[in-house]
Amino acid sequence: MREKTDEARIVESKPAPLPVKGSMVAASAVAYVMVEKFQMYSPLYRLEQYWKSRGVDLNRNTDTTCFTAV
């Protein structure tokens, strides 16, 4: 039986694998772009404008690369 203490035990986990090999794009960003593109029918130029308004400089080639890599 373990002794009870007031100390917190911190456990580090391994980072989740990236969805696009060789890229720093997060899974949530890929999911967002795919939902906007294929479910909401947003054109890539509009998604490009969305990311640019939030300070992320992406071009349509990057978006397209994410689709084909996933």
N, C-alpha and C. Protein backbone atom coordinates (compact mmCIF):
# COMPACT_ATOMS: atom_id res chain seq x y z
N MET A 1 0.85 -1.18 0.00
CA MET A 1 0.00 0.00 0.00
C MET A 1 0.89 1.24 0.00
N ARG A 2 0.50 2.21 -0.82
CA ARG A 2 1.29 3.44 -0.90
C ARG A 2 0.97 4.38 0.25
N GLU A 3 1.99 5.09 0.63
CA GLU A 3 1.82 6.10 1.68
C GLU A 3 1.22 7.36 1.06
N LYS A 4 0.24 7.96 1.70
CA LYS A 4 -0.39 9.18 1.18
C LYS A 4 0.48 10.38 1.51
N THR A 5 0.67 11.23 0.50
CA THR A 5 1.42 12.47 0.69
C THR A 5 0.67 13.61 0.01
N ASP A 6 1.11 14.82 0.29
CA ASP A 6 0.50 16.00 -0.33
C ASP A 6 1.18 16.36 -1.65
N GLU A 7 2.17 15.61 -2.04
CA GLU A 7 2.92 15.91 -3.26
C GLU A 7 2.17 15.39 -4.49
N ALA A 8 2.15 16.20 -5.51
CA ALA A 8 1.53 15.80 -6.78
C ALA A 8 2.53 14.99 -7.59
N ARG A 9 2.04 14.00 -8.28
CA ARG A 9 2.89 13.18 -9.15
C ARG A 9 2.68 13.63 -10.58
N ILE A 10 3.73 14.06 -11.23
CA ILE A 10 3.65 14.55 -12.61
C ILE A 10 4.16 13.46 -13.54
N VAL A 11 3.34 13.12 -14.51
CA VAL A 11 3.70 12.10 -15.49
C VAL A 11 3.73 12.75 -16.85
N GLU A 12 4.85 12.63 -17.55
CA GLU A 12 4.97 13.18 -18.91
C GLU A 12 4.61 12.11 -19.92
N SER A 13 3.80 12.50 -20.89
CA SER A 13 3.45 11.55 -21.95
C SER A 13 4.18 11.94 -23.23
N LYS A 14 4.24 10.99 -24.13
CA LYS A 14 4.86 11.26 -25.42
C LYS A 14 3.92 12.15 -26.23
N PRO A 15 4.48 13.04 -27.06
CA PRO A 15 3.61 13.88 -27.89
C PRO A 15 2.86 13.04 -28.92
N ALA A 16 1.68 13.49 -29.28
CA ALA A 16 0.89 12.79 -30.29
C ALA A 16 1.59 12.89 -31.64
N PRO A 17 1.52 11.86 -32.45
CA PRO A 17 2.15 11.93 -33.78
C PRO A 17 1.46 12.98 -34.64
N LEU A 18 2.24 13.64 -35.48
CA LEU A 18 1.70 14.67 -36.37
C LEU A 18 0.99 14.00 -37.55
N PRO A 19 -0.13 14.56 -37.99
CA PRO A 19 -0.89 13.92 -39.07
C PRO A 19 -0.20 14.00 -40.43
N VAL A 20 0.62 15.01 -40.65
CA VAL A 20 1.32 15.16 -41.92
C VAL A 20 2.82 15.05 -41.65
N LYS A 21 3.41 13.97 -42.14
CA LYS A 21 4.82 13.71 -41.88
C LYS A 21 5.69 14.85 -42.44
N GLY A 22 6.64 15.31 -41.62
CA GLY A 22 7.54 16.37 -42.04
C GLY A 22 6.95 17.76 -41.91
N SER A 23 5.81 17.88 -41.25
CA SER A 23 5.13 19.16 -41.10
C SER A 23 4.86 19.42 -39.63
N MET A 24 4.65 20.69 -39.29
CA MET A 24 4.33 21.04 -37.91
C MET A 24 2.83 21.26 -37.73
N VAL A 25 2.02 20.95 -38.71
CA VAL A 25 0.59 21.20 -38.64
C VAL A 25 -0.06 20.26 -37.62
N ALA A 26 -0.94 20.81 -36.80
CA ALA A 26 -1.62 20.03 -35.77
C ALA A 26 -2.84 19.32 -36.36
N ALA A 27 -3.22 18.25 -35.72
CA ALA A 27 -4.38 17.48 -36.18
C ALA A 27 -5.65 18.33 -36.16
N SER A 28 -5.78 19.20 -35.17
CA SER A 28 -6.97 20.04 -35.10
C SER A 28 -7.05 21.02 -36.27
N ALA A 29 -5.92 21.52 -36.72
CA ALA A 29 -5.91 22.44 -37.86
C ALA A 29 -6.29 21.70 -39.14
N VAL A 30 -5.78 20.50 -39.31
CA VAL A 30 -6.13 19.70 -40.50
C VAL A 30 -7.62 19.38 -40.47
N ALA A 31 -8.14 19.01 -39.31
CA ALA A 31 -9.56 18.69 -39.18
C ALA A 31 -10.42 19.91 -39.50
N TYR A 32 -10.01 21.07 -39.00
CA TYR A 32 -10.78 22.29 -39.27
C TYR A 32 -10.84 22.58 -40.77
N VAL A 33 -9.69 22.53 -41.43
CA VAL A 33 -9.64 22.83 -42.86
C VAL A 33 -10.47 21.82 -43.65
N MET A 34 -10.39 20.55 -43.29
CA MET A 34 -11.14 19.53 -44.02
C MET A 34 -12.65 19.68 -43.83
N VAL A 35 -13.09 20.01 -42.63
CA VAL A 35 -14.52 20.22 -42.40
C VAL A 35 -15.00 21.44 -43.18
N GLU A 36 -14.24 22.53 -43.11
CA GLU A 36 -14.63 23.74 -43.83
C GLU A 36 -14.68 23.49 -45.34
N LYS A 37 -13.73 22.75 -45.85
CA LYS A 37 -13.64 22.52 -47.29
C LYS A 37 -14.71 21.55 -47.78
N PHE A 38 -14.84 20.40 -47.11
CA PHE A 38 -15.68 19.34 -47.65
C PHE A 38 -17.09 19.30 -47.07
N GLN A 39 -17.31 19.81 -45.87
CA GLN A 39 -18.65 19.80 -45.31
C GLN A 39 -19.35 21.16 -45.49
N MET A 40 -18.58 22.23 -45.32
CA MET A 40 -19.15 23.57 -45.42
C MET A 40 -18.94 24.19 -46.81
N TYR A 41 -18.22 23.48 -47.69
CA TYR A 41 -17.98 23.91 -49.08
C TYR A 41 -17.29 25.27 -49.18
N SER A 42 -16.39 25.55 -48.25
CA SER A 42 -15.63 26.80 -48.31
C SER A 42 -14.50 26.66 -49.31
N PRO A 43 -14.36 27.61 -50.22
CA PRO A 43 -13.24 27.55 -51.17
C PRO A 43 -11.91 27.80 -50.46
N LEU A 44 -10.85 27.29 -51.03
CA LEU A 44 -9.54 27.42 -50.39
C LEU A 44 -9.09 28.87 -50.24
N TYR A 45 -9.49 29.74 -51.18
CA TYR A 45 -9.07 31.14 -51.03
C TYR A 45 -9.69 31.76 -49.77
N ARG A 46 -10.91 31.32 -49.43
CA ARG A 46 -11.56 31.84 -48.23
C ARG A 46 -10.88 31.31 -46.96
N LEU A 47 -10.47 30.06 -46.99
CA LEU A 47 -9.74 29.50 -45.86
C LEU A 47 -8.38 30.18 -45.70
N GLU A 48 -7.76 30.49 -46.82
CA GLU A 48 -6.49 31.22 -46.80
C GLU A 48 -6.69 32.59 -46.13
N GLN A 49 -7.78 33.27 -46.46
CA GLN A 49 -8.07 34.57 -45.84
C GLN A 49 -8.34 34.42 -44.34
N TYR A 50 -9.03 33.36 -43.96
CA TYR A 50 -9.33 33.10 -42.54
C TYR A 50 -8.04 32.97 -41.74
N TRP A 51 -7.12 32.13 -42.22
CA TRP A 51 -5.86 31.92 -41.49
C TRP A 51 -5.02 33.20 -41.47
N LYS A 52 -5.02 33.94 -42.59
CA LYS A 52 -4.25 35.18 -42.65
C LYS A 52 -4.78 36.20 -41.63
N SER A 53 -6.10 36.28 -41.45
CA SER A 53 -6.68 37.21 -40.48
C SER A 53 -6.30 36.85 -39.05
N ARG A 54 -5.85 35.62 -38.84
CA ARG A 54 -5.42 35.19 -37.51
C ARG A 54 -3.90 35.14 -37.38
N GLY A 55 -3.21 35.72 -38.35
CA GLY A 55 -1.76 35.83 -38.27
C GLY A 55 -0.99 34.62 -38.77
N VAL A 56 -1.66 33.69 -39.44
CA VAL A 56 -0.99 32.50 -39.98
C VAL A 56 -0.90 32.65 -41.48
N ASP A 57 0.32 32.69 -42.00
CA ASP A 57 0.52 32.88 -43.43
C ASP A 57 0.58 31.53 -44.13
N LEU A 58 -0.55 31.10 -44.67
CA LEU A 58 -0.63 29.85 -45.43
C LEU A 58 -1.08 30.16 -46.84
N ASN A 59 -0.62 29.37 -47.77
CA ASN A 59 -1.14 29.54 -49.12
C ASN A 59 -1.94 28.30 -49.50
N ARG A 60 -2.62 28.35 -50.61
CA ARG A 60 -3.49 27.24 -51.01
C ARG A 60 -2.71 25.96 -51.27
N ASN A 61 -1.47 26.07 -51.68
CA ASN A 61 -0.66 24.86 -51.89
C ASN A 61 -0.47 24.10 -50.60
N THR A 62 -0.31 24.82 -49.49
CA THR A 62 -0.15 24.17 -48.19
C THR A 62 -1.42 23.44 -47.81
N ASP A 63 -2.58 24.07 -48.02
CA ASP A 63 -3.86 23.42 -47.73
C ASP A 63 -4.03 22.16 -48.56
N THR A 64 -3.72 22.25 -49.83
CA THR A 64 -3.85 21.11 -50.73
C THR A 64 -2.93 19.99 -50.32
N THR A 65 -1.72 20.31 -49.89
CA THR A 65 -0.76 19.30 -49.43
C THR A 65 -1.31 18.56 -48.22
N CYS A 66 -1.97 19.27 -47.32
CA CYS A 66 -2.56 18.63 -46.14
C CYS A 66 -3.62 17.61 -46.54
N PHE A 67 -4.44 17.95 -47.54
CA PHE A 67 -5.49 17.02 -47.98
C PHE A 67 -4.90 15.75 -48.56
N THR A 68 -3.91 15.90 -49.40
CA THR A 68 -3.36 14.72 -50.06
C THR A 68 -2.51 13.87 -49.12
N ALA A 69 -1.92 14.48 -48.10
CA ALA A 69 -1.07 13.74 -47.17
C ALA A 69 -1.89 12.95 -46.16
N VAL A 70 -3.09 13.42 -45.88
CA VAL A 70 -3.93 12.74 -44.88
C VAL A 70 -4.72 11.70 -45.60
